[in-house]
C-alpha atoms as a PDB file:
ATOM      1  CA  UNK A   1      14.081  16.196  25.981  1.00  0.00           C
ATOM      2  CA  UNK A   2      11.404  18.535  24.611  1.00  0.00           C
ATOM      3  CA  UNK A   3       8.327  17.111  22.867  1.00  0.00           C
ATOM      4  CA  UNK A   4       8.400  19.845  20.243  1.00  0.00           C
ATOM      5  CA  UNK A   5      11.995  18.882  19.429  1.00  0.00           C
ATOM      6  CA  UNK A   6      10.845  15.288  18.962  1.00  0.00           C
ATOM      7  CA  UNK A   7       7.920  16.371  16.776  1.00  0.00           C
ATOM      8  CA  UNK A   8      10.292  18.389  14.605  1.00  0.00           C
ATOM      9  CA  UNK A   9      12.540  15.355  14.224  1.00  0.00           C
ATOM     10  CA  UNK A  10       9.624  13.056  13.335  1.00  0.00           C
ATOM     11  CA  UNK A  11       8.264  15.498  10.751  1.00  0.00           C
ATOM     12  CA  UNK A  12      11.625  15.971   9.032  1.00  0.00           C
ATOM     13  CA  UNK A  13      12.184  12.196   9.002  1.00  0.00           C
ATOM     14  CA  UNK A  14       8.779  11.418   7.493  1.00  0.00           C
ATOM     15  CA  UNK A  15       8.617  14.338   5.043  1.00  0.00           C
ATOM     16  CA  UNK A  16      12.361  14.241   4.205  1.00  0.00           C
ATOM     17  CA  UNK A  17      12.382  18.022   4.175  1.00  0.00           C
ATOM     18  CA  UNK A  18      13.140  20.714   6.766  1.00  0.00           C
ATOM     19  CA  UNK A  19      11.007  23.245   4.896  1.00  0.00           C
ATOM     20  CA  UNK A  20       7.954  20.951   4.662  1.00  0.00           C
ATOM     21  CA  UNK A  21       8.318  20.046   8.335  1.00  0.00           C
ATOM     22  CA  UNK A  22       8.360  23.746   9.179  1.00  0.00           C
ATOM     23  CA  UNK A  23       5.237  24.342   7.101  1.00  0.00           C
ATOM     24  CA  UNK A  24       3.424  21.461   8.778  1.00  0.00           C
ATOM     25  CA  UNK A  25       4.343  22.768  12.250  1.00  0.00           C
ATOM     26  CA  UNK A  26       3.563  26.432  11.379  1.00  0.00           C
ATOM     27  CA  UNK A  27       7.060  27.565  12.371  1.00  0.00           C
ATOM     28  CA  UNK A  28      10.103  28.783  10.442  1.00  0.00           C
ATOM     29  CA  UNK A  29      12.646  26.443   8.895  1.00  0.00           C
ATOM     30  CA  UNK A  30      15.460  27.814  11.134  1.00  0.00           C
ATOM     31  CA  UNK A  31      13.289  26.984  14.170  1.00  0.00           C
ATOM     32  CA  UNK A  32      13.047  23.377  13.015  1.00  0.00           C
ATOM     33  CA  UNK A  33      16.818  23.216  12.576  1.00  0.00           C
ATOM     34  CA  UNK A  34      17.415  24.712  16.026  1.00  0.00           C
ATOM     35  CA  UNK A  35      15.089  22.183  17.692  1.00  0.00           C
ATOM     36  CA  UNK A  36      16.726  19.213  16.016  1.00  0.00           C
ATOM     37  CA  UNK A  37      20.233  20.521  16.759  1.00  0.00           C
ATOM     38  CA  UNK A  38      19.300  20.864  20.440  1.00  0.00           C
ATOM     39  CA  UNK A  39      17.895  17.325  20.420  1.00  0.00           C
ATOM     40  CA  UNK A  40      21.101  15.973  18.884  1.00  0.00           C
ATOM     41  CA  UNK A  41      23.192  17.753  21.513  1.00  0.00           C
ATOM     42  CA  UNK A  42      21.095  16.320  24.334  1.00  0.00           C
ATOM     43  CA  UNK A  43      21.236  12.793  22.916  1.00  0.00           C
ATOM     44  CA  UNK A  44      24.905  13.094  22.027  1.00  0.00           C
ATOM     45  CA  UNK A  45      24.425  11.763  18.488  1.00  0.00           C
ATOM     46  CA  UNK A  46      23.888  13.070  14.956  1.00  0.00           C
ATOM     47  CA  UNK A  47      20.379  12.180  13.759  1.00  0.00           C
ATOM     48  CA  UNK A  48      20.573  13.372  10.140  1.00  0.00           C
ATOM     49  CA  UNK A  49      23.257  13.147   7.503  1.00  0.00           C
ATOM     50  CA  UNK A  50      23.032  16.672   6.092  1.00  0.00           C
ATOM     51  CA  UNK A  51      25.771  16.213   3.496  1.00  0.00           C
ATOM     52  CA  UNK A  52      23.276  15.385   0.741  1.00  0.00           C
ATOM     53  CA  UNK A  53      21.898  18.431  -1.019  1.00  0.00           C
ATOM     54  CA  UNK A  54      18.491  17.032  -1.935  1.00  0.00           C
ATOM     55  CA  UNK A  55      17.114  15.733   1.338  1.00  0.00           C
ATOM     56  CA  UNK A  56      18.110  14.929   4.926  1.00  0.00           C
ATOM     57  CA  UNK A  57      18.901  11.243   5.465  1.00  0.00           C
ATOM     58  CA  UNK A  58      18.660   9.487   8.814  1.00  0.00           C
ATOM     59  CA  UNK A  59      21.901   8.238  10.311  1.00  0.00           C
ATOM     60  CA  UNK A  60      21.970   4.829  12.007  1.00  0.00           C
ATOM     61  CA  UNK A  61      21.365   6.589  15.337  1.00  0.00           C
ATOM     62  CA  UNK A  62      18.502   8.510  13.734  1.00  0.00           C
ATOM     63  CA  UNK A  63      16.845   5.295  12.527  1.00  0.00           C
ATOM     64  CA  UNK A  64      17.088   3.789  16.005  1.00  0.00           C
ATOM     65  CA  UNK A  65      15.695   6.916  17.659  1.00  0.00           C
ATOM     66  CA  UNK A  66      12.817   7.184  15.173  1.00  0.00           C
ATOM     67  CA  UNK A  67      11.019   4.178  16.712  1.00  0.00           C
ATOM     68  CA  UNK A  68      11.195   5.767  20.151  1.00  0.00           C
ATOM     69  CA  UNK A  69      10.264   9.215  18.854  1.00  0.00           C
ATOM     70  CA  UNK A  70       7.071   7.968  17.194  1.00  0.00           C
ATOM     71  CA  UNK A  71       6.141   6.017  20.300  1.00  0.00           C
ATOM     72  CA  UNK A  72       6.578   9.106  22.488  1.00  0.00           C
ATOM     73  CA  UNK A  73       4.512  11.341  20.197  1.00  0.00           C
ATOM     74  CA  UNK A  74       1.733   8.831  19.668  1.00  0.00           C
ATOM     75  CA  UNK A  75       1.533   7.974  23.361  1.00  0.00           C
ATOM     76  CA  UNK A  76       1.120  11.665  24.127  1.00  0.00           C
ATOM     77  CA  UNK A  77      -1.652  11.984  21.528  1.00  0.00           C
ATOM     78  CA  UNK A  78      -3.350   8.817  22.767  1.00  0.00           C
ATOM     79  CA  UNK A  79      -3.201  10.066  26.368  1.00  0.00           C
ATOM     80  CA  UNK A  80      -4.767  13.401  25.435  1.00  0.00           C
ATOM     81  CA  UNK A  81      -7.615  11.679  23.602  1.00  0.00           C
ATOM     82  CA  UNK A  82      -8.404   9.329  26.475  1.00  0.00           C
ATOM     83  CA  UNK A  83      -8.243  12.029  29.120  1.00  0.00           C
ATOM     84  CA  UNK A  84     -10.413  14.400  27.119  1.00  0.00           C
ATOM     85  CA  UNK A  85     -13.050  11.752  26.498  1.00  0.00           C
ATOM     86  CA  UNK A  86     -13.210  12.901  22.864  1.00  0.00           C
ATOM     87  CA  UNK A  87     -11.781   9.803  21.188  1.00  0.00           C
ATOM     88  CA  UNK A  88     -14.788   9.521  18.904  1.00  0.00           C
ATOM     89  CA  UNK A  89     -14.054  13.042  17.672  1.00  0.00           C
ATOM     90  CA  UNK A  90     -10.422  12.342  16.783  1.00  0.00           C
ATOM     91  CA  UNK A  91      -8.878  14.603  14.194  1.00  0.00           C
ATOM     92  CA  UNK A  92      -5.718  14.393  12.174  1.00  0.00           C
ATOM     93  CA  UNK A  93      -4.136  13.304   8.939  1.00  0.00           C
ATOM     94  CA  UNK A  94      -3.520   9.607   8.271  1.00  0.00           C
ATOM     95  CA  UNK A  95      -0.771   8.716   5.814  1.00  0.00           C
ATOM     96  CA  UNK A  96      -1.817   5.649   3.827  1.00  0.00           C
ATOM     97  CA  UNK A  97       0.230   3.658   1.334  1.00  0.00           C
ATOM     98  CA  UNK A  98      -1.567   1.153  -0.878  1.00  0.00           C
ATOM     99  CA  UNK A  99      -0.678  -1.113  -3.752  1.00  0.00           C
ATOM    100  CA  UNK A 100      -2.762  -0.792  -6.904  1.00  0.00           C
ATOM    101  CA  UNK A 101      -5.590  -3.264  -6.335  1.00  0.00           C
ATOM    102  CA  UNK A 102      -6.518  -2.459  -2.714  1.00  0.00           C
ATOM    103  CA  UNK A 103      -5.725   1.221  -3.246  1.00  0.00           C
ATOM    104  CA  UNK A 104      -7.986   1.525  -6.279  1.00  0.00           C
ATOM    105  CA  UNK A 105     -10.754  -0.992  -5.634  1.00  0.00           C
ATOM    106  CA  UNK A 106     -11.092  -1.249  -1.842  1.00  0.00           C
ATOM    107  CA  UNK A 107      -9.940   2.020  -0.297  1.00  0.00           C
ATOM    108  CA  UNK A 108     -12.360   4.505  -1.924  1.00  0.00           C
ATOM    109  CA  UNK A 109     -15.494   2.797  -0.603  1.00  0.00           C
ATOM    110  CA  UNK A 110     -13.838   2.072   2.744  1.00  0.00           C
ATOM    111  CA  UNK A 111     -12.758   5.674   3.307  1.00  0.00           C
ATOM    112  CA  UNK A 112     -16.094   7.081   2.151  1.00  0.00           C
ATOM    113  CA  UNK A 113     -17.847   4.928   4.738  1.00  0.00           C
ATOM    114  CA  UNK A 114     -15.291   5.819   7.421  1.00  0.00           C
ATOM    115  CA  UNK A 115     -15.735   9.561   6.796  1.00  0.00           C
ATOM    116  CA  UNK A 116     -19.448   9.320   7.594  1.00  0.00           C
ATOM    117  CA  UNK A 117     -18.593   8.834  11.272  1.00  0.00           C
ATOM    118  CA  UNK A 118     -15.116  10.423  11.393  1.00  0.00           C
ATOM    119  CA  UNK A 119     -15.442  13.516   9.237  1.00  0.00           C
ATOM    120  CA  UNK A 120     -12.592  15.401  10.959  1.00  0.00           C
ATOM    121  CA  UNK A 121      -9.982  12.818   9.905  1.00  0.00           C
ATOM    122  CA  UNK A 122      -8.268  13.361   6.565  1.00  0.00           C
ATOM    123  CA  UNK A 123      -5.995  11.182   4.452  1.00  0.00           C
ATOM    124  CA  UNK A 124      -2.839  11.438   2.388  1.00  0.00           C
ATOM    125  CA  UNK A 125      -2.895   8.421   0.056  1.00  0.00           C
ATOM    126  CA  UNK A 126      -0.063   7.168  -2.145  1.00  0.00           C
ATOM    127  CA  UNK A 127      -0.675   4.359  -4.660  1.00  0.00           C
ATOM    128  CA  UNK A 128       2.643   2.515  -4.966  1.00  0.00           C
ATOM    129  CA  UNK A 129       3.929  -0.957  -5.711  1.00  0.00           C
ATOM    130  CA  UNK A 130       3.935  -3.387  -2.793  1.00  0.00           C
ATOM    131  CA  UNK A 131       7.643  -3.042  -2.038  1.00  0.00           C
ATOM    132  CA  UNK A 132       7.371   0.746  -1.800  1.00  0.00           C
ATOM    133  CA  UNK A 133       4.300   0.529   0.473  1.00  0.00           C
ATOM    134  CA  UNK A 134       6.090  -1.792   2.893  1.00  0.00           C
ATOM    135  CA  UNK A 135       9.175   0.427   2.863  1.00  0.00           C
ATOM    136  CA  UNK A 136       6.918   3.379   3.673  1.00  0.00           C
ATOM    137  CA  UNK A 137       5.474   1.551   6.670  1.00  0.00           C
ATOM    138  CA  UNK A 138       8.957   0.616   7.864  1.00  0.00           C
ATOM    139  CA  UNK A 139      10.372   4.133   7.547  1.00  0.00           C
ATOM    140  CA  UNK A 140       7.236   5.709   9.089  1.00  0.00           C
ATOM    141  CA  UNK A 141       6.225   7.724   6.025  1.00  0.00           C
ATOM    142  CA  UNK A 142       3.020   5.627   6.019  1.00  0.00           C
ATOM    143  CA  UNK A 143       0.875   5.067   9.112  1.00  0.00           C
ATOM    144  CA  UNK A 144      -0.951   2.178   7.461  1.00  0.00           C
ATOM    145  CA  UNK A 145      -0.447   0.110   4.327  1.00  0.00           C
ATOM    146  CA  UNK A 146      -2.775  -1.970   2.139  1.00  0.00           C
ATOM    147  CA  UNK A 147      -1.059  -4.673   0.079  1.00  0.00           C
ATOM    148  CA  UNK A 148      -1.666  -7.959  -1.713  1.00  0.00           C
ATOM    149  CA  UNK A 149       1.539  -9.743  -0.734  1.00  0.00           C
ATOM    150  CA  UNK A 150       3.420 -10.572   2.448  1.00  0.00           C
ATOM    151  CA  UNK A 151       7.136  -9.947   2.724  1.00  0.00           C
ATOM    152  CA  UNK A 152       8.345 -11.474   5.946  1.00  0.00           C
ATOM    153  CA  UNK A 153       9.750  -8.914   8.358  1.00  0.00           C
ATOM    154  CA  UNK A 154       9.409  -9.178  12.122  1.00  0.00           C
ATOM    155  CA  UNK A 155       8.750  -5.443  12.303  1.00  0.00           C
ATOM    156  CA  UNK A 156       5.557  -5.697  10.238  1.00  0.00           C
ATOM    157  CA  UNK A 157       2.123  -6.821  11.387  1.00  0.00           C
ATOM    158  CA  UNK A 158      -0.219  -8.053   8.639  1.00  0.00           C
ATOM    159  CA  UNK A 159      -3.989  -8.303   9.095  1.00  0.00           C
ATOM    160  CA  UNK A 160      -5.896 -10.367   6.510  1.00  0.00           C
ATOM    161  CA  UNK A 161      -8.884  -8.259   5.447  1.00  0.00           C
ATOM    162  CA  UNK A 162     -10.082  -9.546   2.056  1.00  0.00           C
ATOM    163  CA  UNK A 163      -9.854 -12.261  -0.573  1.00  0.00           C
ATOM    164  CA  UNK A 164      -8.930 -11.938  -4.230  1.00  0.00           C
ATOM    165  CA  UNK A 165      -7.658 -14.130  -7.045  1.00  0.00           C
ATOM    166  CA  UNK A 166      -5.858 -13.676 -10.331  1.00  0.00           C
ATOM    167  CA  UNK A 167      -7.791 -14.601 -13.435  1.00  0.00           C
ATOM    168  CA  UNK A 168      -7.183 -14.639 -17.187  1.00  0.00           C
ATOM    169  CA  UNK A 169      -8.783 -11.616 -18.841  1.00  0.00           C
ATOM    170  CA  UNK A 170      -9.353 -11.571 -22.613  1.00  0.00           C
ATOM    171  CA  UNK A 171     -11.272  -9.437 -25.054  1.00  0.00           C
ATOM    172  CA  UNK A 172     -14.825 -10.590 -25.718  1.00  0.00           C
ATOM    173  CA  UNK A 173     -14.989 -13.588 -28.059  1.00  0.00           C
ATOM    174  CA  UNK A 174     -11.260 -14.358 -28.129  1.00  0.00           C
ATOM    175  CA  UNK A 175     -11.766 -17.762 -26.481  1.00  0.00           C
ATOM    176  CA  UNK A 176     -14.903 -19.928 -26.725  1.00  0.00           C
ATOM    177  CA  UNK A 177     -16.569 -19.787 -23.321  1.00  0.00           C
ATOM    178  CA  UNK A 178     -18.216 -23.193 -23.797  1.00  0.00           C
ATOM    179  CA  UNK A 179     -14.836 -24.905 -24.198  1.00  0.00           C
ATOM    180  CA  UNK A 180     -13.347 -23.453 -21.032  1.00  0.00           C
ATOM    181  CA  UNK A 181     -16.109 -23.475 -18.441  1.00  0.00           C
ATOM    182  CA  UNK A 182     -13.780 -25.426 -16.107  1.00  0.00           C
ATOM    183  CA  UNK A 183     -10.853 -23.145 -16.770  1.00  0.00           C
ATOM    184  CA  UNK A 184      -8.170 -22.470 -19.366  1.00  0.00           C
ATOM    185  CA  UNK A 185      -5.041 -24.669 -19.617  1.00  0.00           C
ATOM    186  CA  UNK A 186      -1.807 -22.820 -18.830  1.00  0.00           C
ATOM    187  CA  UNK A 187      -0.602 -23.496 -22.379  1.00  0.00           C
ATOM    188  CA  UNK A 188      -3.276 -21.158 -23.754  1.00  0.00           C
ATOM    189  CA  UNK A 189      -1.399 -18.229 -22.227  1.00  0.00           C
ATOM    190  CA  UNK A 190       1.578 -18.820 -24.489  1.00  0.00           C
ATOM    191  CA  UNK A 191      -0.521 -18.464 -27.639  1.00  0.00           C
ATOM    192  CA  UNK A 192      -1.170 -14.761 -27.024  1.00  0.00           C
ATOM    193  CA  UNK A 193       0.639 -11.518 -26.383  1.00  0.00           C
ATOM    194  CA  UNK A 194       0.807 -10.997 -22.636  1.00  0.00           C
ATOM    195  CA  UNK A 195       0.127  -7.682 -20.901  1.00  0.00           C
ATOM    196  CA  UNK A 196       1.926  -7.629 -17.581  1.00  0.00           C
ATOM    197  CA  UNK A 197       2.629  -5.341 -14.632  1.00  0.00           C
ATOM    198  CA  UNK A 198       6.041  -4.141 -13.431  1.00  0.00           C
ATOM    199  CA  UNK A 199       8.280  -6.410 -11.345  1.00  0.00           C
ATOM    200  CA  UNK A 200       7.406  -4.731  -8.043  1.00  0.00           C
ATOM    201  CA  UNK A 201       3.694  -5.552  -8.268  1.00  0.00           C
ATOM    202  CA  UNK A 202       2.194  -8.281  -6.079  1.00  0.00           C
ATOM    203  CA  UNK A 203       0.104  -9.482  -9.036  1.00  0.00           C
ATOM    204  CA  UNK A 204       3.154 -10.245 -11.151  1.00  0.00           C
ATOM    205  CA  UNK A 205       5.048 -11.830  -8.262  1.00  0.00           C
ATOM    206  CA  UNK A 206       2.190 -14.238  -7.569  1.00  0.00           C
ATOM    207  CA  UNK A 207       1.907 -15.147 -11.257  1.00  0.00           C
ATOM    208  CA  UNK A 208       5.641 -15.821 -11.536  1.00  0.00           C
ATOM    209  CA  UNK A 209       5.571 -17.924  -8.379  1.00  0.00           C
ATOM    210  CA  UNK A 210       2.706 -20.107  -9.596  1.00  0.00           C
ATOM    211  CA  UNK A 211       3.776 -20.658 -13.213  1.00  0.00           C
ATOM    212  CA  UNK A 212       5.947 -23.743 -13.824  1.00  0.00           C
ATOM    213  CA  UNK A 213       9.727 -23.257 -13.615  1.00  0.00           C
ATOM    214  CA  UNK A 214      11.018 -20.861 -16.289  1.00  0.00           C
ATOM    215  CA  UNK A 215       7.556 -20.603 -17.869  1.00  0.00           C
ATOM    216  CA  UNK A 216       7.466 -16.840 -17.427  1.00  0.00           C
ATOM    217  CA  UNK A 217      10.428 -16.356 -19.767  1.00  0.00           C
ATOM    218  CA  UNK A 218       9.334 -13.820 -22.374  1.00  0.00           C
ATOM    219  CA  UNK A 219      10.606 -16.196 -25.054  1.00  0.00           C
ATOM    220  CA  UNK A 220       7.593 -18.415 -24.321  1.00  0.00           C
ATOM    221  CA  UNK A 221       5.151 -15.728 -25.503  1.00  0.00           C
ATOM    222  CA  UNK A 222       4.650 -14.272 -28.987  1.00  0.00           C
ATOM    223  CA  UNK A 223       5.161 -10.913 -27.297  1.00  0.00           C
ATOM    224  CA  UNK A 224       5.118  -9.284 -23.876  1.00  0.00           C
ATOM    225  CA  UNK A 225       3.903  -5.746 -23.229  1.00  0.00           C
ATOM    226  CA  UNK A 226       4.828  -4.186 -19.894  1.00  0.00           C
ATOM    227  CA  UNK A 227       2.553  -1.603 -18.289  1.00  0.00           C
ATOM    228  CA  UNK A 228       2.785  -0.061 -14.829  1.00  0.00           C
ATOM    229  CA  UNK A 229      -0.860   0.955 -14.853  1.00  0.00           C
ATOM    230  CA  UNK A 230      -3.631  -1.564 -14.218  1.00  0.00           C
ATOM    231  CA  UNK A 231      -6.354   0.491 -15.894  1.00  0.00           C
ATOM    232  CA  UNK A 232      -4.142   0.734 -18.964  1.00  0.00           C
ATOM    233  CA  UNK A 233      -3.816  -3.049 -19.041  1.00  0.00           C
ATOM    234  CA  UNK A 234      -7.583  -3.489 -18.781  1.00  0.00           C
ATOM    235  CA  UNK A 235      -8.248  -1.116 -21.657  1.00  0.00           C
ATOM    236  CA  UNK A 236      -5.537  -2.759 -23.765  1.00  0.00           C
ATOM    237  CA  UNK A 237      -7.141  -6.181 -23.211  1.00  0.00           C
ATOM    238  CA  UNK A 238     -10.531  -4.772 -24.184  1.00  0.00           C
ATOM    239  CA  UNK A 239      -9.048  -3.469 -27.445  1.00  0.00           C
ATOM    240  CA  UNK A 240      -7.453  -6.844 -28.239  1.00  0.00           C
ATOM    241  CA  UNK A 241      -3.816  -5.873 -27.706  1.00  0.00           C
ATOM    242  CA  UNK A 242      -3.220  -9.026 -25.672  1.00  0.00           C
ATOM    243  CA  UNK A 243      -4.383 -11.027 -22.662  1.00  0.00           C
ATOM    244  CA  UNK A 244      -3.618 -10.417 -18.992  1.00  0.00           C
ATOM    245  CA  UNK A 245      -3.666 -12.318 -15.732  1.00  0.00           C
ATOM    246  CA  UNK A 246      -5.006  -9.767 -13.282  1.00  0.00           C
ATOM    247  CA  UNK A 247      -7.035  -9.356 -10.122  1.00  0.00           C
ATOM    248  CA  UNK A 248     -10.659 -10.455 -10.407  1.00  0.00           C
ATOM    249  CA  UNK A 249     -11.553  -7.654  -8.029  1.00  0.00           C
ATOM    250  CA  UNK A 250     -10.026  -5.088 -10.372  1.00  0.00           C
ATOM    251  CA  UNK A 251     -11.747  -6.242 -13.545  1.00  0.00           C
ATOM    252  CA  UNK A 252     -15.280  -7.046 -12.365  1.00  0.00           C
ATOM    253  CA  UNK A 253     -16.446  -3.608 -13.511  1.00  0.00           C
ATOM    254  CA  UNK A 254     -15.255  -4.169 -17.086  1.00  0.00           C
ATOM    255  CA  UNK A 255     -16.515  -7.766 -17.185  1.00  0.00           C
ATOM    256  CA  UNK A 256     -19.972  -6.537 -16.206  1.00  0.00           C
ATOM    257  CA  UNK A 257     -20.118  -4.489 -19.413  1.00  0.00           C
ATOM    258  CA  UNK A 258     -19.459  -7.588 -21.539  1.00  0.00           C
ATOM    259  CA  UNK A 259     -16.379  -6.115 -23.227  1.00  0.00           C
ATOM    260  CA  UNK A 260     -13.961  -8.585 -21.632  1.00  0.00           C
ATOM    261  CA  UNK A 261     -14.270 -12.191 -20.495  1.00  0.00           C
ATOM    262  CA  UNK A 262     -12.748 -13.899 -17.468  1.00  0.00           C
ATOM    263  CA  UNK A 263     -11.382 -17.430 -17.176  1.00  0.00           C
ATOM    264  CA  UNK A 264      -9.792 -19.299 -14.274  1.00  0.00           C
ATOM    265  CA  UNK A 265      -6.475 -20.970 -15.145  1.00  0.00           C
ATOM    266  CA  UNK A 266      -6.307 -24.718 -14.573  1.00  0.00           C
ATOM    267  CA  UNK A 267      -3.632 -26.081 -12.310  1.00  0.00           C
ATOM    268  CA  UNK A 268      -2.626 -22.768 -10.764  1.00  0.00           C
ATOM    269  CA  UNK A 269      -3.594 -21.597  -7.295  1.00  0.00           C
ATOM    270  CA  UNK A 270      -3.933 -17.864  -7.887  1.00  0.00           C
ATOM    271  CA  UNK A 271      -5.955 -17.043  -4.813  1.00  0.00           C
ATOM    272  CA  UNK A 272      -4.537 -14.447  -2.495  1.00  0.00           C
ATOM    273  CA  UNK A 273      -5.378 -12.305   0.485  1.00  0.00           C
ATOM    274  CA  UNK A 274      -5.293  -8.537   0.730  1.00  0.00           C
ATOM    275  CA  UNK A 275      -3.744  -7.170   3.888  1.00  0.00           C
ATOM    276  CA  UNK A 276      -3.754  -4.167   6.158  1.00  0.00           C
ATOM    277  CA  UNK A 277      -0.194  -3.707   7.442  1.00  0.00           C
ATOM    278  CA  UNK A 278       1.384  -1.477  10.070  1.00  0.00           C
ATOM    279  CA  UNK A 279       4.634  -1.270  12.004  1.00  0.00           C
ATOM    280  CA  UNK A 280       4.501  -3.757  14.872  1.00  0.00           C
ATOM    281  CA  UNK A 281       6.372  -1.600  17.373  1.00  0.00           C
ATOM    282  CA  UNK A 282       4.834   1.726  16.434  1.00  0.00           C
ATOM    283  CA  UNK A 283       2.200   3.277  18.657  1.00  0.00           C
ATOM    284  CA  UNK A 284      -0.395   4.495  16.180  1.00  0.00           C
ATOM    285  CA  UNK A 285      -1.928   7.918  16.624  1.00  0.00           C
ATOM    286  CA  UNK A 286      -5.626   8.149  17.411  1.00  0.00           C
ATOM    287  CA  UNK A 287      -6.760   8.805  13.834  1.00  0.00           C
ATOM    288  CA  UNK A 288      -4.685   5.978  12.358  1.00  0.00           C
ATOM    289  CA  UNK A 289      -5.807   3.610  15.092  1.00  0.00           C
ATOM    290  CA  UNK A 290      -9.454   4.434  14.406  1.00  0.00           C
ATOM    291  CA  UNK A 291      -8.999   3.715  10.696  1.00  0.00           C
ATOM    292  CA  UNK A 292      -7.200   0.448  11.445  1.00  0.00           C
ATOM    293  CA  UNK A 293      -9.954  -0.727  13.799  1.00  0.00           C
ATOM    294  CA  UNK A 294     -12.708   0.406  11.421  1.00  0.00           C
ATOM    295  CA  UNK A 295     -11.063  -1.496   8.533  1.00  0.00           C
ATOM    296  CA  UNK A 296     -10.803  -4.707  10.528  1.00  0.00           C
ATOM    297  CA  UNK A 297     -14.456  -4.486  11.547  1.00  0.00           C
ATOM    298  CA  UNK A 298     -15.635  -3.463   8.061  1.00  0.00           C
ATOM    299  CA  UNK A 299     -14.034  -6.441   6.325  1.00  0.00           C
ATOM    300  CA  UNK A 300     -14.835  -9.032   8.954  1.00  0.00           C
ATOM    301  CA  UNK A 301     -16.244 -12.028   7.101  1.00  0.00           C
ATOM    302  CA  UNK A 302     -15.457 -10.439   3.729  1.00  0.00           C
ATOM    303  CA  UNK A 303     -15.820 -12.727   0.704  1.00  0.00           C
ATOM    304  CA  UNK A 304     -14.616 -12.058  -2.835  1.00  0.00           C
ATOM    305  CA  UNK A 305     -18.052 -11.967  -4.393  1.00  0.00           C
ATOM    306  CA  UNK A 306     -19.892 -10.280  -1.521  1.00  0.00           C
END
């Protein structure tokens, strides 16, 4: 079994493209195909279903082999780094998937700080909903994920790195601050148009889980406006289009300008953790491992208002 054959397989699986895999490996597309065909012949299985015109899809055997293939490649990379004594000078590209809040409000500062000591490591970052991030970690298209919700799966390892909470956000002056210093009753929500994220977002899932049974039915609101963009929701609240229950972390910048106001909601536990997640059985490459370890150290003892 040739390591370059395995690398070709891993690249096609993660990029879902023979041509992009060839470009990444600086070889021709036919060379990629030849290497994977030879690997399939040696293993005695078909790794890709090539019947679909758009993109190669892993067969069941391909999905099983992918775990082993990544482990082999990453072990080789890890061995080279340790033997060379150049671990601190690791290079490479780390594929990161992040849901909206950690991807927008935690990652930029984290990566900027990381680059000060690891300038040769680069990143490919996709901002997705939580479900898509976790799927990316599971199918190896993401080395690391940053999410605000746990979905139980024995293949995933979650590391609690930060605290957040959902909070009612309104335009300035909509509600009298003096009346709601201890929080807003849930019933207040149903007096206003609600701006809400798409179903796949961790923010919406937590809100639905914490509201009383059936309370999230759109019939309980004068109107519901769906947006798949958090910044759009914030601007819409500022302009008085409606109210939103969103991450405190995400709206602190706007609240500081005095254009929106924030209220806790009585009777609901809307606290949550933000997580770093990676595949439990995957051997991370040197660059991804450095970012994982740096993140854990950076957010040690993190508090919401720190």
